[in-house]
N, C-alpha and C. Protein backbone atom coordinates (compact mmCIF):
# COMPACT_ATOMS: atom_id res chain seq x y z
N MET A 1 17.09 49.66 3.88
CA MET A 1 16.36 48.73 3.05
C MET A 1 15.84 47.58 3.91
N THR A 2 14.74 47.03 3.49
CA THR A 2 14.13 45.91 4.20
C THR A 2 13.89 44.78 3.20
N PRO A 3 13.52 43.60 3.69
CA PRO A 3 13.22 42.50 2.76
C PRO A 3 12.13 42.85 1.76
N PHE A 4 11.23 43.78 2.11
CA PHE A 4 10.15 44.16 1.21
C PHE A 4 10.66 44.81 -0.07
N ASP A 5 11.90 45.28 -0.04
CA ASP A 5 12.50 45.89 -1.24
C ASP A 5 12.99 44.85 -2.24
N PHE A 6 13.05 43.58 -1.82
CA PHE A 6 13.68 42.57 -2.67
C PHE A 6 12.84 41.32 -2.93
N PHE A 7 11.96 40.97 -2.00
CA PHE A 7 11.29 39.67 -2.06
C PHE A 7 9.77 39.81 -2.08
N PRO A 8 9.08 38.74 -2.48
CA PRO A 8 7.61 38.77 -2.47
C PRO A 8 7.07 39.04 -1.06
N GLN A 9 5.86 39.58 -1.00
CA GLN A 9 5.23 40.00 0.26
C GLN A 9 5.27 38.92 1.34
N GLU A 10 4.86 37.70 1.01
CA GLU A 10 4.77 36.64 2.02
C GLU A 10 6.13 36.32 2.64
N LEU A 11 7.16 36.15 1.80
CA LEU A 11 8.50 35.88 2.33
C LEU A 11 9.04 37.09 3.09
N SER A 12 8.79 38.27 2.55
CA SER A 12 9.28 39.48 3.21
C SER A 12 8.72 39.61 4.61
N ALA A 13 7.46 39.29 4.78
CA ALA A 13 6.84 39.37 6.11
C ALA A 13 7.53 38.40 7.07
N GLN A 14 7.85 37.19 6.60
CA GLN A 14 8.55 36.21 7.44
C GLN A 14 9.94 36.71 7.80
N TYR A 15 10.67 37.20 6.80
CA TYR A 15 12.03 37.70 7.05
C TYR A 15 11.99 38.87 8.03
N PHE A 16 11.07 39.80 7.80
CA PHE A 16 11.00 41.00 8.63
C PHE A 16 10.68 40.64 10.09
N ALA A 17 9.74 39.73 10.29
CA ALA A 17 9.39 39.30 11.66
C ALA A 17 10.59 38.68 12.35
N LYS A 18 11.34 37.84 11.62
CA LYS A 18 12.53 37.20 12.20
C LYS A 18 13.58 38.26 12.54
N GLU A 19 13.76 39.23 11.66
CA GLU A 19 14.75 40.28 11.91
C GLU A 19 14.36 41.16 13.10
N GLN A 20 13.08 41.45 13.26
CA GLN A 20 12.63 42.24 14.41
C GLN A 20 12.88 41.47 15.71
N GLU A 21 12.65 40.16 15.67
CA GLU A 21 12.92 39.32 16.84
C GLU A 21 14.41 39.35 17.19
N LEU A 22 15.26 39.22 16.18
CA LEU A 22 16.71 39.26 16.42
C LEU A 22 17.13 40.60 17.01
N MET A 23 16.58 41.67 16.48
CA MET A 23 16.95 42.99 16.99
C MET A 23 16.49 43.19 18.43
N SER A 24 15.31 42.68 18.77
CA SER A 24 14.82 42.86 20.14
C SER A 24 15.64 42.03 21.13
N ARG A 25 16.12 40.86 20.70
CA ARG A 25 16.94 40.01 21.57
C ARG A 25 18.40 40.40 21.54
N GLY A 26 18.84 41.05 20.44
CA GLY A 26 20.24 41.43 20.32
C GLY A 26 21.16 40.25 20.07
N GLU A 27 20.61 39.16 19.54
CA GLU A 27 21.40 37.95 19.30
C GLU A 27 21.58 37.71 17.80
N PRO A 28 22.71 37.14 17.41
CA PRO A 28 22.92 36.84 16.00
C PRO A 28 22.17 35.58 15.58
N LEU A 29 21.96 35.46 14.30
CA LEU A 29 21.41 34.26 13.69
C LEU A 29 22.50 33.70 12.78
N ILE A 30 23.00 32.52 13.10
CA ILE A 30 24.14 31.96 12.37
C ILE A 30 23.73 30.65 11.69
N ASP A 31 24.12 30.52 10.44
CA ASP A 31 23.90 29.29 9.66
C ASP A 31 22.44 28.85 9.64
N PHE A 32 21.56 29.79 9.32
CA PHE A 32 20.13 29.52 9.25
C PHE A 32 19.74 29.34 7.79
N GLU A 33 19.19 28.20 7.45
CA GLU A 33 18.79 27.92 6.07
C GLU A 33 17.34 28.38 5.89
N GLU A 34 17.14 29.26 4.90
CA GLU A 34 15.79 29.77 4.68
C GLU A 34 15.46 29.82 3.20
N PRO A 35 14.16 29.75 2.88
CA PRO A 35 13.75 29.79 1.48
C PRO A 35 13.88 31.19 0.91
N ILE A 36 14.10 31.26 -0.39
CA ILE A 36 14.10 32.54 -1.10
C ILE A 36 13.35 32.35 -2.41
N VAL A 37 13.06 33.44 -3.04
CA VAL A 37 12.55 33.43 -4.41
C VAL A 37 13.57 34.20 -5.23
N LYS A 38 14.16 33.51 -6.21
CA LYS A 38 15.20 34.14 -7.01
C LYS A 38 14.61 35.14 -8.00
N ALA A 39 15.46 35.92 -8.64
CA ALA A 39 15.02 36.96 -9.56
C ALA A 39 14.16 36.41 -10.69
N ASP A 40 14.41 35.15 -11.08
CA ASP A 40 13.63 34.54 -12.15
C ASP A 40 12.31 33.96 -11.65
N GLY A 41 12.00 34.15 -10.35
CA GLY A 41 10.75 33.67 -9.78
C GLY A 41 10.79 32.25 -9.25
N LYS A 42 11.90 31.57 -9.43
CA LYS A 42 12.01 30.19 -8.97
C LYS A 42 12.43 30.16 -7.50
N PRO A 43 11.95 29.14 -6.77
CA PRO A 43 12.34 29.03 -5.36
C PRO A 43 13.79 28.58 -5.21
N GLY A 44 14.38 28.91 -4.10
CA GLY A 44 15.74 28.50 -3.81
C GLY A 44 15.97 28.49 -2.31
N TRP A 45 17.20 28.24 -1.92
CA TRP A 45 17.58 28.22 -0.50
C TRP A 45 18.83 29.03 -0.32
N VAL A 46 18.93 29.66 0.84
CA VAL A 46 20.12 30.45 1.17
C VAL A 46 20.50 30.17 2.62
N LEU A 47 21.79 30.08 2.86
CA LEU A 47 22.31 29.94 4.21
C LEU A 47 22.59 31.35 4.72
N THR A 48 21.91 31.76 5.78
CA THR A 48 21.92 33.14 6.23
C THR A 48 22.64 33.32 7.55
N ASN A 49 23.36 34.43 7.66
CA ASN A 49 23.93 34.90 8.93
C ASN A 49 23.48 36.35 9.08
N LYS A 50 22.86 36.66 10.22
CA LYS A 50 22.43 38.03 10.50
C LYS A 50 22.96 38.41 11.88
N ILE A 51 23.64 39.55 11.93
CA ILE A 51 24.32 39.96 13.16
C ILE A 51 23.87 41.38 13.53
N PRO A 52 23.45 41.58 14.79
CA PRO A 52 23.02 42.92 15.22
C PRO A 52 24.16 43.94 15.15
N ILE A 53 23.81 45.16 14.78
CA ILE A 53 24.73 46.29 14.79
C ILE A 53 24.31 47.18 15.96
N CYS A 54 25.26 47.54 16.81
CA CYS A 54 24.96 48.37 17.99
C CYS A 54 25.63 49.73 17.88
N ASN A 55 24.98 50.74 18.50
CA ASN A 55 25.61 52.05 18.59
C ASN A 55 26.57 52.07 19.77
N LEU A 56 27.18 53.21 20.04
CA LEU A 56 28.16 53.30 21.12
C LEU A 56 27.57 53.05 22.50
N ASP A 57 26.26 53.19 22.62
CA ASP A 57 25.59 52.93 23.90
C ASP A 57 25.17 51.46 24.03
N GLY A 58 25.48 50.65 23.02
CA GLY A 58 25.13 49.23 23.07
C GLY A 58 23.72 48.92 22.61
N GLU A 59 23.01 49.91 22.08
CA GLU A 59 21.65 49.69 21.60
C GLU A 59 21.69 49.14 20.17
N VAL A 60 20.87 48.13 19.93
CA VAL A 60 20.79 47.56 18.58
C VAL A 60 20.09 48.55 17.67
N ILE A 61 20.76 48.90 16.58
CA ILE A 61 20.21 49.89 15.64
C ILE A 61 19.99 49.30 14.25
N GLY A 62 20.36 48.04 14.07
CA GLY A 62 20.17 47.41 12.77
C GLY A 62 20.79 46.03 12.74
N LEU A 63 20.76 45.44 11.56
CA LEU A 63 21.36 44.13 11.34
C LEU A 63 22.22 44.17 10.10
N VAL A 64 23.26 43.38 10.09
CA VAL A 64 24.02 43.14 8.88
C VAL A 64 23.80 41.67 8.55
N GLY A 65 23.53 41.39 7.29
CA GLY A 65 23.26 40.01 6.91
C GLY A 65 24.04 39.58 5.69
N ILE A 66 24.37 38.31 5.68
CA ILE A 66 25.08 37.71 4.55
C ILE A 66 24.40 36.39 4.24
N GLY A 67 24.12 36.16 2.98
CA GLY A 67 23.50 34.90 2.58
C GLY A 67 24.34 34.19 1.54
N LEU A 68 24.44 32.89 1.68
CA LEU A 68 25.19 32.07 0.74
C LEU A 68 24.20 31.17 0.02
N GLY A 69 24.05 31.37 -1.28
CA GLY A 69 23.11 30.56 -2.05
C GLY A 69 23.59 29.13 -2.20
N LEU A 70 22.76 28.22 -1.77
CA LEU A 70 23.11 26.80 -1.82
C LEU A 70 22.13 25.99 -2.66
N ALA A 71 21.29 26.66 -3.41
CA ALA A 71 20.20 25.99 -4.10
C ALA A 71 20.67 24.86 -5.01
N ILE A 72 21.63 25.13 -5.86
CA ILE A 72 22.06 24.12 -6.83
C ILE A 72 22.72 22.95 -6.12
N SER A 73 23.62 23.24 -5.19
CA SER A 73 24.29 22.17 -4.46
C SER A 73 23.29 21.31 -3.70
N LYS A 74 22.37 21.96 -3.03
CA LYS A 74 21.36 21.24 -2.24
C LYS A 74 20.50 20.35 -3.15
N GLN A 75 20.06 20.88 -4.26
CA GLN A 75 19.22 20.11 -5.19
C GLN A 75 19.96 18.90 -5.75
N LEU A 76 21.20 19.10 -6.15
CA LEU A 76 21.97 17.99 -6.72
C LEU A 76 22.20 16.88 -5.69
N LEU A 77 22.58 17.28 -4.49
CA LEU A 77 22.85 16.28 -3.45
C LEU A 77 21.58 15.54 -3.04
N GLU A 78 20.49 16.26 -2.87
CA GLU A 78 19.24 15.59 -2.49
C GLU A 78 18.75 14.65 -3.59
N ALA A 79 19.00 15.00 -4.84
CA ALA A 79 18.57 14.16 -5.95
C ALA A 79 19.25 12.79 -5.95
N VAL A 80 20.44 12.71 -5.39
CA VAL A 80 21.16 11.44 -5.34
C VAL A 80 21.18 10.85 -3.93
N GLY A 81 20.38 11.43 -3.03
CA GLY A 81 20.30 10.89 -1.67
C GLY A 81 21.39 11.38 -0.74
N GLY A 82 22.07 12.46 -1.10
CA GLY A 82 23.13 13.01 -0.25
C GLY A 82 22.63 14.21 0.53
N ARG A 83 23.59 14.91 1.16
CA ARG A 83 23.23 16.11 1.92
C ARG A 83 24.44 17.03 2.03
N ILE A 84 24.16 18.27 2.37
CA ILE A 84 25.20 19.27 2.61
C ILE A 84 24.95 19.87 3.99
N ASP A 85 26.01 20.10 4.73
CA ASP A 85 25.91 20.67 6.07
C ASP A 85 27.03 21.69 6.24
N VAL A 86 26.83 22.64 7.13
CA VAL A 86 27.84 23.65 7.39
C VAL A 86 27.92 23.92 8.88
N THR A 87 29.13 24.11 9.36
CA THR A 87 29.35 24.55 10.74
C THR A 87 30.29 25.75 10.68
N SER A 88 30.03 26.70 11.55
CA SER A 88 30.86 27.91 11.58
C SER A 88 31.40 28.14 12.98
N VAL A 89 32.62 28.63 13.04
CA VAL A 89 33.26 28.99 14.30
C VAL A 89 33.65 30.45 14.20
N LYS A 90 33.21 31.23 15.17
CA LYS A 90 33.48 32.66 15.16
C LYS A 90 34.98 32.92 15.02
N ASN A 91 35.33 33.83 14.13
CA ASN A 91 36.70 34.26 13.85
C ASN A 91 37.57 33.17 13.24
N GLN A 92 36.97 32.03 12.86
CA GLN A 92 37.75 30.97 12.22
C GLN A 92 37.22 30.59 10.84
N GLY A 93 35.92 30.78 10.62
CA GLY A 93 35.37 30.46 9.31
C GLY A 93 34.35 29.34 9.36
N SER A 94 33.99 28.86 8.18
CA SER A 94 32.97 27.83 8.05
C SER A 94 33.53 26.60 7.39
N THR A 95 32.98 25.45 7.76
CA THR A 95 33.35 24.18 7.15
C THR A 95 32.11 23.55 6.54
N PHE A 96 32.18 23.23 5.27
CA PHE A 96 31.07 22.57 4.59
C PHE A 96 31.37 21.08 4.51
N THR A 97 30.36 20.29 4.83
CA THR A 97 30.48 18.85 4.74
C THR A 97 29.46 18.37 3.70
N ILE A 98 29.95 17.62 2.74
CA ILE A 98 29.09 17.08 1.69
C ILE A 98 29.13 15.57 1.79
N GLU A 99 27.95 14.97 1.86
CA GLU A 99 27.87 13.52 1.95
C GLU A 99 27.14 12.97 0.73
N PHE A 100 27.77 12.00 0.10
CA PHE A 100 27.16 11.30 -1.02
C PHE A 100 26.79 9.90 -0.55
N PRO A 101 25.72 9.34 -1.08
CA PRO A 101 25.40 7.96 -0.69
C PRO A 101 26.44 7.01 -1.25
N ARG A 102 26.70 5.97 -0.50
CA ARG A 102 27.68 4.98 -0.95
C ARG A 102 27.03 4.09 -2.01
N GLY A 103 27.68 3.98 -3.13
CA GLY A 103 27.16 3.13 -4.20
C GLY A 103 27.58 1.68 -4.02
N GLN A 104 26.88 0.79 -4.68
CA GLN A 104 27.24 -0.61 -4.65
C GLN A 104 28.15 -0.92 -5.82
N ARG A 105 29.16 -1.72 -5.55
CA ARG A 105 30.07 -2.12 -6.62
C ARG A 105 29.45 -3.24 -7.44
N THR A 106 29.71 -3.17 -8.71
CA THR A 106 29.25 -4.25 -9.59
C THR A 106 30.47 -4.96 -10.14
N THR A 107 30.37 -6.25 -10.30
CA THR A 107 31.50 -7.00 -10.84
C THR A 107 31.16 -7.61 -12.17
């Protein structure tokens, strides 16, 4: 399956070009935030990891990808002036950092 099986033509072309680049370099793509179009047609964001799959001769034969939808969290945080960030360490996992703006106290 390719992105063309799931997403609109324009996004699929972008995804496919990026995936072909990754396969030719044989390098993973970690914690990459990219736009998506959800099933209801609305735009969203996903945090993507794509890792090359190699055969026994070490040749890249495909990619495995995992995406984490962050659309709602990102929208809520940006609406109040905050942000969300993620860092990942191989074989250890990911850490999400959420920052909210500091409010002023009223007396």
